[in-house]
Amino acid sequence: MDLSELERDNTDRCRLSSPVPAVCRKEPCVLGVDEAGRGPVLGPMVYAICYCPLSRLADLEALKVADSKTLSESERDRLFVKMEEDKDFVGWALDVLSPNLISTSMLGRVKYNLNSLSHDTAAGLVQYALDQGVKVTQVFVDTVGLPEKYQERLQQCFPGIEVTVKAKADALYPVVSAASICAKVARDQAVKNWQFVEKLQDVDADYGSGYPNDPKTKAWLRKHVEPVFGFPQFVRFSWRTAQSILEKEAEGVTWEDSSAEDQEGLGKITSYFLSEGPRPRLPHRYFQERGLESATTL
């Protein structure tokens, strides 16, 4: 899989796709949606679609595709190569969401949670296939959150398409299994070949699984936290595991315009990104020094 576009810029999001098979523009098609890397604190989250004509679904099943989590890395790579060899009737597309995009979305002034980001990304890929001329008539999706609400949302977006959202869809529907393989192959390759924009020296590439509970991943996070600038963009700093390490290892922040009273009980860097309820807003220092107050009556 050619991820050179992602390797040139891994700070935002990147969409990659196969050529659309000619038959997919002529015949009714089934499309599957799945993701890889939703839970890890390290690396991107990858959403994938895979599609083929309904008349060739048996041929896709004959490839023996399965839920990517049940396959070894070599088995996933082999199956992806087989799908590429069958490009006359199988197509795919990816949306690679960087750790930086995920974290800034979740911690922005207007909160954008991971479920909403996932739903919108999935819908965007289905729309992308339609825009490319794929005659999608059925969509199967591995759920994120409540399947009923997710299905209702997608059905409203695509009223002319039969949408099915189920838990464990990657084990139930071959076209979703194929999408899960595409997503996992892309994420594994992206993590393995990650280009650190920070130009770090002697980066330890032994990340462990990347999941928050992995001791090896936690050790890597502690090793690569910078006291002032935090983590490299390979890390999802919105994850609780990363925030806990920041709170212990990062330096406190002193704002030049703040009064001495404001500096008491100074928190860690992450405290400025987390909402702890409304705080009284002090007047600007100009007004405080001159004893000026807002006039309510004249």
C-alpha atoms as a PDB file:
ATOM      1  CA  MET A   1       0.000   0.000   0.000  1.00  0.00           C
ATOM      2  CA  ASP A   2       1.438   3.352  -1.046  1.00  0.00           C
ATOM      3  CA  LEU A   3       1.259   5.753   1.910  1.00  0.00           C
ATOM      4  CA  SER A   4       3.799   8.240   0.552  1.00  0.00           C
ATOM      5  CA  GLU A   5       1.226  11.060   0.621  1.00  0.00           C
ATOM      6  CA  LEU A   6       0.639  10.462   4.342  1.00  0.00           C
ATOM      7  CA  GLU A   7       4.373  10.237   5.004  1.00  0.00           C
ATOM      8  CA  ARG A   8       4.866  13.676   3.409  1.00  0.00           C
ATOM      9  CA  ASP A   9       2.316  15.246   5.785  1.00  0.00           C
ATOM     10  CA  ASN A  10       0.926  13.283   8.731  1.00  0.00           C
ATOM     11  CA  THR A  11      -0.332  16.262  10.752  1.00  0.00           C
ATOM     12  CA  ASP A  12      -3.953  16.342   9.551  1.00  0.00           C
ATOM     13  CA  ARG A  13      -5.913  13.799   7.513  1.00  0.00           C
ATOM     14  CA  CYS A  14      -5.205  11.954   4.308  1.00  0.00           C
ATOM     15  CA  ARG A  15      -7.581  10.201   1.895  1.00  0.00           C
ATOM     16  CA  LEU A  16      -6.282   7.388  -0.286  1.00  0.00           C
ATOM     17  CA  SER A  17      -8.141   5.127  -2.697  1.00  0.00           C
ATOM     18  CA  SER A  18      -7.880   2.478  -5.371  1.00  0.00           C
ATOM     19  CA  PRO A  19      -9.101   3.084  -8.923  1.00  0.00           C
ATOM     20  CA  VAL A  20     -12.844   2.468  -9.224  1.00  0.00           C
ATOM     21  CA  PRO A  21     -13.508  -0.782 -11.134  1.00  0.00           C
ATOM     22  CA  ALA A  22     -15.574  -0.091 -14.262  1.00  0.00           C
ATOM     23  CA  VAL A  23     -18.135  -2.718 -13.269  1.00  0.00           C
ATOM     24  CA  CYS A  24     -18.805  -0.836  -9.996  1.00  0.00           C
ATOM     25  CA  ARG A  25     -20.097   2.122 -12.006  1.00  0.00           C
ATOM     26  CA  LYS A  26     -22.517  -0.117 -13.928  1.00  0.00           C
ATOM     27  CA  GLU A  27     -23.850  -2.684 -11.457  1.00  0.00           C
ATOM     28  CA  PRO A  28     -25.439  -2.347  -7.983  1.00  0.00           C
ATOM     29  CA  CYS A  29     -22.737  -2.580  -5.315  1.00  0.00           C
ATOM     30  CA  VAL A  30     -22.414  -3.524  -1.675  1.00  0.00           C
ATOM     31  CA  LEU A  31     -20.082  -1.449   0.520  1.00  0.00           C
ATOM     32  CA  GLY A  32     -18.553  -2.184   3.933  1.00  0.00           C
ATOM     33  CA  VAL A  33     -17.173   0.286   6.501  1.00  0.00           C
ATOM     34  CA  ASP A  34     -14.750  -0.391   9.347  1.00  0.00           C
ATOM     35  CA  GLU A  35     -11.866   1.239  11.224  1.00  0.00           C
ATOM     36  CA  ALA A  36      -8.551   0.431  12.841  1.00  0.00           C
ATOM     37  CA  GLY A  37      -6.817   2.263  15.677  1.00  0.00           C
ATOM     38  CA  ARG A  38      -9.764   3.805  17.498  1.00  0.00           C
ATOM     39  CA  GLY A  39      -8.492   2.975  21.003  1.00  0.00           C
ATOM     40  CA  PRO A  40      -4.681   3.430  20.953  1.00  0.00           C
ATOM     41  CA  VAL A  41      -2.998   6.487  22.470  1.00  0.00           C
ATOM     42  CA  LEU A  42      -0.385   6.357  19.681  1.00  0.00           C
ATOM     43  CA  GLY A  43      -0.736   6.768  15.953  1.00  0.00           C
ATOM     44  CA  PRO A  44      -3.590   7.529  13.554  1.00  0.00           C
ATOM     45  CA  MET A  45      -7.101   6.160  13.314  1.00  0.00           C
ATOM     46  CA  VAL A  46      -7.866   4.749   9.879  1.00  0.00           C
ATOM     47  CA  TYR A  47     -11.360   4.412   8.413  1.00  0.00           C
ATOM     48  CA  ALA A  48     -11.824   2.248   5.339  1.00  0.00           C
ATOM     49  CA  ILE A  49     -14.488   1.268   2.861  1.00  0.00           C
ATOM     50  CA  CYS A  50     -14.406  -1.709   0.540  1.00  0.00           C
ATOM     51  CA  TYR A  51     -16.966  -2.347  -2.197  1.00  0.00           C
ATOM     52  CA  CYS A  52     -17.810  -4.740  -5.011  1.00  0.00           C
ATOM     53  CA  PRO A  53     -20.809  -5.560  -7.234  1.00  0.00           C
ATOM     54  CA  LEU A  54     -23.495  -7.678  -5.589  1.00  0.00           C
ATOM     55  CA  SER A  55     -23.018 -10.125  -8.463  1.00  0.00           C
ATOM     56  CA  ARG A  56     -19.366 -10.662  -7.386  1.00  0.00           C
ATOM     57  CA  LEU A  57     -19.887 -10.872  -3.627  1.00  0.00           C
ATOM     58  CA  ALA A  58     -19.328 -14.640  -3.715  1.00  0.00           C
ATOM     59  CA  ASP A  59     -15.939 -14.004  -5.347  1.00  0.00           C
ATOM     60  CA  LEU A  60     -15.014 -11.641  -2.503  1.00  0.00           C
ATOM     61  CA  GLU A  61     -16.072 -14.286   0.024  1.00  0.00           C
ATOM     62  CA  ALA A  62     -13.897 -16.818  -1.827  1.00  0.00           C
ATOM     63  CA  LEU A  63     -10.828 -14.768  -0.859  1.00  0.00           C
ATOM     64  CA  LYS A  64     -11.464 -15.959   2.733  1.00  0.00           C
ATOM     65  CA  VAL A  65     -11.479 -12.437   4.171  1.00  0.00           C
ATOM     66  CA  ALA A  66     -12.113 -12.267   7.922  1.00  0.00           C
ATOM     67  CA  ASP A  67     -12.140  -9.827  10.817  1.00  0.00           C
ATOM     68  CA  SER A  68      -8.652  -8.288  10.741  1.00  0.00           C
ATOM     69  CA  LYS A  69      -8.279  -8.730  14.515  1.00  0.00           C
ATOM     70  CA  THR A  70      -8.350 -12.525  14.043  1.00  0.00           C
ATOM     71  CA  LEU A  71      -5.586 -12.469  11.426  1.00  0.00           C
ATOM     72  CA  SER A  72      -1.836 -12.150  11.733  1.00  0.00           C
ATOM     73  CA  GLU A  73      -0.052  -9.236  10.100  1.00  0.00           C
ATOM     74  CA  SER A  74       1.271 -11.471   7.313  1.00  0.00           C
ATOM     75  CA  GLU A  75      -2.217 -12.890   6.660  1.00  0.00           C
ATOM     76  CA  ARG A  76      -3.682  -9.377   6.431  1.00  0.00           C
ATOM     77  CA  ASP A  77      -0.945  -8.302   4.016  1.00  0.00           C
ATOM     78  CA  ARG A  78      -1.511 -11.388   1.871  1.00  0.00           C
ATOM     79  CA  LEU A  79      -5.269 -10.823   1.693  1.00  0.00           C
ATOM     80  CA  PHE A  80      -4.821  -7.154   0.823  1.00  0.00           C
ATOM     81  CA  VAL A  81      -2.525  -8.146  -2.058  1.00  0.00           C
ATOM     82  CA  LYS A  82      -5.209 -10.576  -3.274  1.00  0.00           C
ATOM     83  CA  MET A  83      -7.816  -7.799  -3.186  1.00  0.00           C
ATOM     84  CA  GLU A  84      -5.469  -5.592  -5.180  1.00  0.00           C
ATOM     85  CA  GLU A  85      -5.077  -8.395  -7.734  1.00  0.00           C
ATOM     86  CA  ASP A  86      -8.886  -8.465  -8.058  1.00  0.00           C
ATOM     87  CA  LYS A  87      -9.092  -4.739  -8.793  1.00  0.00           C
ATOM     88  CA  ASP A  88     -11.367  -5.472 -11.752  1.00  0.00           C
ATOM     89  CA  PHE A  89     -14.240  -5.850  -9.273  1.00  0.00           C
ATOM     90  CA  VAL A  90     -12.953  -4.781  -5.797  1.00  0.00           C
ATOM     91  CA  GLY A  91     -12.386  -1.153  -4.789  1.00  0.00           C
ATOM     92  CA  TRP A  92     -11.420   0.548  -1.545  1.00  0.00           C
ATOM     93  CA  ALA A  93     -10.808   3.965   0.000  1.00  0.00           C
ATOM     94  CA  LEU A  94      -9.234   5.171   3.252  1.00  0.00           C
ATOM     95  CA  ASP A  95      -9.419   8.220   5.480  1.00  0.00           C
ATOM     96  CA  VAL A  96      -6.371   8.430   7.760  1.00  0.00           C
ATOM     97  CA  LEU A  97      -6.952  10.725  10.756  1.00  0.00           C
ATOM     98  CA  SER A  98      -3.777  11.900  12.454  1.00  0.00           C
ATOM     99  CA  PRO A  99      -3.325  11.845  16.254  1.00  0.00           C
ATOM    100  CA  ASN A 100      -3.006  15.635  16.092  1.00  0.00           C
ATOM    101  CA  LEU A 101      -6.368  16.003  14.331  1.00  0.00           C
ATOM    102  CA  ILE A 102      -8.091  13.660  16.788  1.00  0.00           C
ATOM    103  CA  SER A 103      -6.760  15.461  19.872  1.00  0.00           C
ATOM    104  CA  THR A 104      -7.346  19.011  18.648  1.00  0.00           C
ATOM    105  CA  SER A 105     -10.900  18.031  17.667  1.00  0.00           C
ATOM    106  CA  MET A 106     -11.636  16.559  21.092  1.00  0.00           C
ATOM    107  CA  LEU A 107     -10.061  19.433  23.062  1.00  0.00           C
ATOM    108  CA  GLY A 108     -11.167  22.331  20.871  1.00  0.00           C
ATOM    109  CA  ARG A 109     -13.361  25.159  22.110  1.00  0.00           C
ATOM    110  CA  VAL A 110     -16.266  23.467  20.348  1.00  0.00           C
ATOM    111  CA  LYS A 111     -16.000  19.841  21.479  1.00  0.00           C
ATOM    112  CA  TYR A 112     -16.057  17.163  18.762  1.00  0.00           C
ATOM    113  CA  ASN A 113     -16.040  13.754  20.402  1.00  0.00           C
ATOM    114  CA  LEU A 114     -14.561  10.602  18.943  1.00  0.00           C
ATOM    115  CA  ASN A 115     -17.939   9.034  18.169  1.00  0.00           C
ATOM    116  CA  SER A 116     -19.064  12.055  16.156  1.00  0.00           C
ATOM    117  CA  LEU A 117     -15.718  12.195  14.364  1.00  0.00           C
ATOM    118  CA  SER A 118     -16.038   8.483  13.554  1.00  0.00           C
ATOM    119  CA  HIS A 119     -19.616   8.791  12.291  1.00  0.00           C
ATOM    120  CA  ASP A 120     -18.805  11.773  10.096  1.00  0.00           C
ATOM    121  CA  THR A 121     -15.712  10.075   8.673  1.00  0.00           C
ATOM    122  CA  ALA A 122     -17.684   6.944   7.781  1.00  0.00           C
ATOM    123  CA  ALA A 123     -20.428   9.001   6.137  1.00  0.00           C
ATOM    124  CA  GLY A 124     -17.795  10.995   4.263  1.00  0.00           C
ATOM    125  CA  LEU A 125     -16.277   7.829   2.797  1.00  0.00           C
ATOM    126  CA  VAL A 126     -19.667   6.513   1.658  1.00  0.00           C
ATOM    127  CA  GLN A 127     -20.324   9.883  -0.002  1.00  0.00           C
ATOM    128  CA  TYR A 128     -16.856   9.739  -1.585  1.00  0.00           C
ATOM    129  CA  ALA A 129     -17.694   6.390  -3.209  1.00  0.00           C
ATOM    130  CA  LEU A 130     -20.970   7.811  -4.537  1.00  0.00           C
ATOM    131  CA  ASP A 131     -19.164  10.890  -5.876  1.00  0.00           C
ATOM    132  CA  GLN A 132     -16.742   8.563  -7.704  1.00  0.00           C
ATOM    133  CA  GLY A 133     -19.685   6.980  -9.487  1.00  0.00           C
ATOM    134  CA  VAL A 134     -19.933   3.734  -7.496  1.00  0.00           C
ATOM    135  CA  LYS A 135     -23.543   2.422  -7.670  1.00  0.00           C
ATOM    136  CA  VAL A 136     -23.897   1.747  -3.946  1.00  0.00           C
ATOM    137  CA  THR A 137     -27.212   0.116  -3.016  1.00  0.00           C
ATOM    138  CA  GLN A 138     -26.288  -1.584   0.291  1.00  0.00           C
ATOM    139  CA  VAL A 139     -23.991  -0.429   3.111  1.00  0.00           C
ATOM    140  CA  PHE A 140     -22.828  -2.505   6.086  1.00  0.00           C
ATOM    141  CA  VAL A 141     -21.083  -0.790   8.999  1.00  0.00           C
ATOM    142  CA  ASP A 142     -19.315  -1.997  12.133  1.00  0.00           C
ATOM    143  CA  THR A 143     -20.939   0.099  14.849  1.00  0.00           C
ATOM    144  CA  VAL A 144     -19.467   2.846  16.991  1.00  0.00           C
ATOM    145  CA  GLY A 145     -21.801   3.587  19.883  1.00  0.00           C
ATOM    146  CA  LEU A 146     -25.432   2.500  19.742  1.00  0.00           C
ATOM    147  CA  PRO A 147     -26.084   0.740  16.407  1.00  0.00           C
ATOM    148  CA  GLU A 148     -29.712   1.880  16.205  1.00  0.00           C
ATOM    149  CA  LYS A 149     -28.874   5.579  16.437  1.00  0.00           C
ATOM    150  CA  TYR A 150     -25.881   5.234  14.126  1.00  0.00           C
ATOM    151  CA  GLN A 151     -27.977   3.396  11.523  1.00  0.00           C
ATOM    152  CA  GLU A 152     -30.729   6.002  11.745  1.00  0.00           C
ATOM    153  CA  ARG A 153     -28.193   8.783  11.199  1.00  0.00           C
ATOM    154  CA  LEU A 154     -26.641   7.105   8.154  1.00  0.00           C
ATOM    155  CA  GLN A 155     -30.039   6.224   6.731  1.00  0.00           C
ATOM    156  CA  GLN A 156     -31.011   9.897   6.900  1.00  0.00           C
ATOM    157  CA  CYS A 157     -27.803  10.809   5.070  1.00  0.00           C
ATOM    158  CA  PHE A 158     -28.379   8.188   2.362  1.00  0.00           C
ATOM    159  CA  PRO A 159     -32.148   7.635   2.047  1.00  0.00           C
ATOM    160  CA  GLY A 160     -31.853   5.725  -1.227  1.00  0.00           C
ATOM    161  CA  ILE A 161     -29.451   3.130   0.183  1.00  0.00           C
ATOM    162  CA  GLU A 162     -30.176   0.165   2.449  1.00  0.00           C
ATOM    163  CA  VAL A 163     -27.997   0.703   5.558  1.00  0.00           C
ATOM    164  CA  THR A 164     -27.212  -1.951   8.182  1.00  0.00           C
ATOM    165  CA  VAL A 165     -25.188  -1.109  11.302  1.00  0.00           C
ATOM    166  CA  LYS A 166     -24.276  -3.938  13.650  1.00  0.00           C
ATOM    167  CA  ALA A 167     -21.792  -4.784  16.373  1.00  0.00           C
ATOM    168  CA  LYS A 168     -19.109  -7.207  15.160  1.00  0.00           C
ATOM    169  CA  ALA A 169     -20.090  -6.513  11.547  1.00  0.00           C
ATOM    170  CA  ASP A 170     -16.467  -7.209  10.587  1.00  0.00           C
ATOM    171  CA  ALA A 171     -17.063 -10.838  11.576  1.00  0.00           C
ATOM    172  CA  LEU A 172     -20.549 -11.065  10.023  1.00  0.00           C
ATOM    173  CA  TYR A 173     -20.227  -9.509   6.558  1.00  0.00           C
ATOM    174  CA  PRO A 174     -17.305 -10.267   4.210  1.00  0.00           C
ATOM    175  CA  VAL A 175     -17.379  -6.784   2.688  1.00  0.00           C
ATOM    176  CA  VAL A 176     -16.857  -5.285   6.184  1.00  0.00           C
ATOM    177  CA  SER A 177     -14.113  -7.834   6.864  1.00  0.00           C
ATOM    178  CA  ALA A 178     -12.396  -6.641   3.679  1.00  0.00           C
ATOM    179  CA  ALA A 179     -12.694  -3.011   4.851  1.00  0.00           C
ATOM    180  CA  SER A 180     -11.233  -3.938   8.247  1.00  0.00           C
ATOM    181  CA  ILE A 181      -8.228  -5.543   6.524  1.00  0.00           C
ATOM    182  CA  CYS A 182      -7.635  -2.407   4.431  1.00  0.00           C
ATOM    183  CA  ALA A 183      -7.832  -0.208   7.532  1.00  0.00           C
ATOM    184  CA  LYS A 184      -5.537  -2.396   9.633  1.00  0.00           C
ATOM    185  CA  VAL A 185      -2.900  -2.824   6.901  1.00  0.00           C
ATOM    186  CA  ALA A 186      -2.818   0.955   6.417  1.00  0.00           C
ATOM    187  CA  ARG A 187      -2.566   1.737  10.148  1.00  0.00           C
ATOM    188  CA  ASP A 188       0.175  -0.852  10.749  1.00  0.00           C
ATOM    189  CA  GLN A 189       2.199   0.582   7.885  1.00  0.00           C
ATOM    190  CA  ALA A 190       1.596   4.178   8.997  1.00  0.00           C
ATOM    191  CA  VAL A 191       2.775   3.436  12.556  1.00  0.00           C
ATOM    192  CA  LYS A 192       5.798   1.458  11.390  1.00  0.00           C
ATOM    193  CA  ASN A 193       6.955   4.223   9.004  1.00  0.00           C
ATOM    194  CA  TRP A 194       5.856   7.255  11.043  1.00  0.00           C
ATOM    195  CA  GLN A 195       7.756  10.429  10.172  1.00  0.00           C
ATOM    196  CA  PHE A 196       8.282  12.538  13.306  1.00  0.00           C
ATOM    197  CA  VAL A 197       7.838  16.209  12.335  1.00  0.00           C
ATOM    198  CA  GLU A 198       9.710  17.146  15.523  1.00  0.00           C
ATOM    199  CA  LYS A 199      12.974  15.718  14.072  1.00  0.00           C
ATOM    200  CA  LEU A 200      13.590  13.743  17.253  1.00  0.00           C
ATOM    201  CA  GLN A 201      16.944  12.073  17.764  1.00  0.00           C
ATOM    202  CA  ASP A 202      17.220   8.372  18.641  1.00  0.00           C
ATOM    203  CA  VAL A 203      13.472   7.735  18.820  1.00  0.00           C
ATOM    204  CA  ASP A 204      12.679   4.368  20.342  1.00  0.00           C
ATOM    205  CA  ALA A 205      10.481   2.554  17.795  1.00  0.00           C
ATOM    206  CA  ASP A 206       9.385  -0.092  20.293  1.00  0.00           C
ATOM    207  CA  TYR A 207       6.012   1.444  21.183  1.00  0.00           C
ATOM    208  CA  GLY A 208       4.357  -1.735  22.396  1.00  0.00           C
ATOM    209  CA  SER A 209       0.759  -2.174  21.253  1.00  0.00           C
ATOM    210  CA  GLY A 210       0.015   1.550  21.456  1.00  0.00           C
ATOM    211  CA  TYR A 211      -2.946   0.915  23.774  1.00  0.00           C
ATOM    212  CA  PRO A 212      -3.194   2.951  26.999  1.00  0.00           C
ATOM    213  CA  ASN A 213      -2.971  -0.062  29.336  1.00  0.00           C
ATOM    214  CA  ASP A 214       0.205  -1.475  27.778  1.00  0.00           C
ATOM    215  CA  PRO A 215       3.165  -0.964  30.201  1.00  0.00           C
ATOM    216  CA  LYS A 216       5.566  -0.706  27.267  1.00  0.00           C
ATOM    217  CA  THR A 217       3.443   2.046  25.688  1.00  0.00           C
ATOM    218  CA  LYS A 218       3.306   3.930  28.994  1.00  0.00           C
ATOM    219  CA  ALA A 219       7.068   3.650  29.356  1.00  0.00           C
ATOM    220  CA  TRP A 220       7.520   5.057  25.830  1.00  0.00           C
ATOM    221  CA  LEU A 221       5.238   8.000  26.676  1.00  0.00           C
ATOM    222  CA  ARG A 222       7.197   8.804  29.839  1.00  0.00           C
ATOM    223  CA  LYS A 223      10.468   8.599  27.929  1.00  0.00           C
ATOM    224  CA  HIS A 224       9.347  10.928  25.141  1.00  0.00           C
ATOM    225  CA  VAL A 225       7.442  13.641  27.031  1.00  0.00           C
ATOM    226  CA  GLU A 226       9.074  17.077  26.766  1.00  0.00           C
ATOM    227  CA  PRO A 227       8.512  19.158  29.950  1.00  0.00           C
ATOM    228  CA  VAL A 228       7.504  22.328  28.057  1.00  0.00           C
ATOM    229  CA  PHE A 229       6.234  21.205  24.668  1.00  0.00           C
ATOM    230  CA  GLY A 230       4.655  17.917  25.714  1.00  0.00           C
ATOM    231  CA  PHE A 231       4.479  14.957  23.349  1.00  0.00           C
ATOM    232  CA  PRO A 232       5.381  14.518  19.688  1.00  0.00           C
ATOM    233  CA  GLN A 233       2.387  14.598  17.337  1.00  0.00           C
ATOM    234  CA  PHE A 234       2.474  10.803  17.185  1.00  0.00           C
ATOM    235  CA  VAL A 235       0.671  10.887  20.554  1.00  0.00           C
ATOM    236  CA  ARG A 236      -3.035  11.563  21.104  1.00  0.00           C
ATOM    237  CA  PHE A 237      -2.586  14.031  23.931  1.00  0.00           C
ATOM    238  CA  SER A 238      -6.341  14.104  24.578  1.00  0.00           C
ATOM    239  CA  TRP A 239      -6.189  10.525  25.942  1.00  0.00           C
ATOM    240  CA  ARG A 240      -6.331  10.285  29.733  1.00  0.00           C
ATOM    241  CA  THR A 241      -3.109   8.242  29.864  1.00  0.00           C
ATOM    242  CA  ALA A 242      -1.175  10.997  28.079  1.00  0.00           C
ATOM    243  CA  GLN A 243      -2.787  13.715  30.201  1.00  0.00           C
ATOM    244  CA  SER A 244      -1.823  11.929  33.438  1.00  0.00           C
ATOM    245  CA  ILE A 245       1.819  11.758  32.354  1.00  0.00           C
ATOM    246  CA  LEU A 246       1.732  15.449  31.366  1.00  0.00           C
ATOM    247  CA  GLU A 247       0.357  16.379  34.786  1.00  0.00           C
ATOM    248  CA  LYS A 248       3.229  14.568  36.492  1.00  0.00           C
ATOM    249  CA  GLU A 249       6.085  15.408  34.139  1.00  0.00           C
ATOM    250  CA  ALA A 250       5.256  18.741  32.461  1.00  0.00           C
ATOM    251  CA  GLU A 251       6.180  22.166  33.822  1.00  0.00           C
ATOM    252  CA  GLY A 252       3.642  24.566  35.281  1.00  0.00           C
ATOM    253  CA  VAL A 253       2.620  27.604  33.255  1.00  0.00           C
ATOM    254  CA  THR A 254       2.973  31.211  34.443  1.00  0.00           C
ATOM    255  CA  TRP A 255       1.106  33.862  32.461  1.00  0.00           C
ATOM    256  CA  GLU A 256       2.889  37.223  32.378  1.00  0.00           C
ATOM    257  CA  ASP A 257      -0.317  39.241  32.733  1.00  0.00           C
ATOM    258  CA  SER A 258      -1.593  37.273  35.716  1.00  0.00           C
ATOM    259  CA  SER A 259      -1.490  38.701  39.231  1.00  0.00           C
ATOM    260  CA  ALA A 260       0.312  36.920  42.075  1.00  0.00           C
ATOM    261  CA  GLU A 261      -3.002  35.709  43.497  1.00  0.00           C
ATOM    262  CA  ASP A 262      -3.820  34.018  40.201  1.00  0.00           C
ATOM    263  CA  GLN A 263      -0.575  32.015  40.356  1.00  0.00           C
ATOM    264  CA  GLU A 264      -1.371  30.302  43.648  1.00  0.00           C
ATOM    265  CA  GLY A 265      -2.042  26.597  43.220  1.00  0.00           C
ATOM    266  CA  LEU A 266      -0.702  26.712  39.684  1.00  0.00           C
ATOM    267  CA  GLY A 267      -1.810  23.690  37.663  1.00  0.00           C
ATOM    268  CA  LYS A 268      -0.162  21.691  34.941  1.00  0.00           C
ATOM    269  CA  ILE A 269      -0.358  22.417  31.231  1.00  0.00           C
ATOM    270  CA  THR A 270      -3.383  20.162  30.705  1.00  0.00           C
ATOM    271  CA  SER A 271      -5.467  22.177  33.164  1.00  0.00           C
ATOM    272  CA  TYR A 272      -5.731  24.904  30.535  1.00  0.00           C
ATOM    273  CA  PHE A 273      -7.420  22.507  28.110  1.00  0.00           C
ATOM    274  CA  LEU A 274      -9.891  20.901  30.505  1.00  0.00           C
ATOM    275  CA  SER A 275     -13.197  22.457  31.468  1.00  0.00           C
ATOM    276  CA  GLU A 276     -13.777  22.648  35.221  1.00  0.00           C
ATOM    277  CA  GLY A 277     -16.888  24.782  35.203  1.00  0.00           C
ATOM    278  CA  PRO A 278     -17.266  28.544  34.701  1.00  0.00           C
ATOM    279  CA  ARG A 279     -14.597  30.764  36.233  1.00  0.00           C
ATOM    280  CA  PRO A 280     -15.048  34.424  37.155  1.00  0.00           C
ATOM    281  CA  ARG A 281     -13.432  36.625  34.541  1.00  0.00           C
ATOM    282  CA  LEU A 282     -11.133  39.281  36.031  1.00  0.00           C
ATOM    283  CA  PRO A 283     -10.888  42.705  34.414  1.00  0.00           C
ATOM    284  CA  HIS A 284      -7.793  43.438  32.356  1.00  0.00           C
ATOM    285  CA  ARG A 285      -4.746  44.596  34.352  1.00  0.00           C
ATOM    286  CA  TYR A 286      -5.151  48.133  32.904  1.00  0.00           C
ATOM    287  CA  PHE A 287      -8.493  48.519  34.723  1.00  0.00           C
ATOM    288  CA  GLN A 288      -7.325  46.821  37.932  1.00  0.00           C
ATOM    289  CA  GLU A 289      -4.273  49.109  38.317  1.00  0.00           C
ATOM    290  CA  ARG A 290      -6.436  52.233  37.879  1.00  0.00           C
ATOM    291  CA  GLY A 291      -9.248  51.041  40.126  1.00  0.00           C
ATOM    292  CA  LEU A 292     -11.730  51.301  37.260  1.00  0.00           C
ATOM    293  CA  GLU A 293     -15.035  49.419  37.459  1.00  0.00           C
ATOM    294  CA  SER A 294     -17.930  49.015  35.074  1.00  0.00           C
ATOM    295  CA  ALA A 295     -20.631  51.663  35.569  1.00  0.00           C
ATOM    296  CA  THR A 296     -24.140  50.244  35.855  1.00  0.00           C
ATOM    297  CA  THR A 297     -25.902  53.613  36.378  1.00  0.00           C
ATOM    298  CA  LEU A 298     -25.076  57.201  35.451  1.00  0.00           C
END
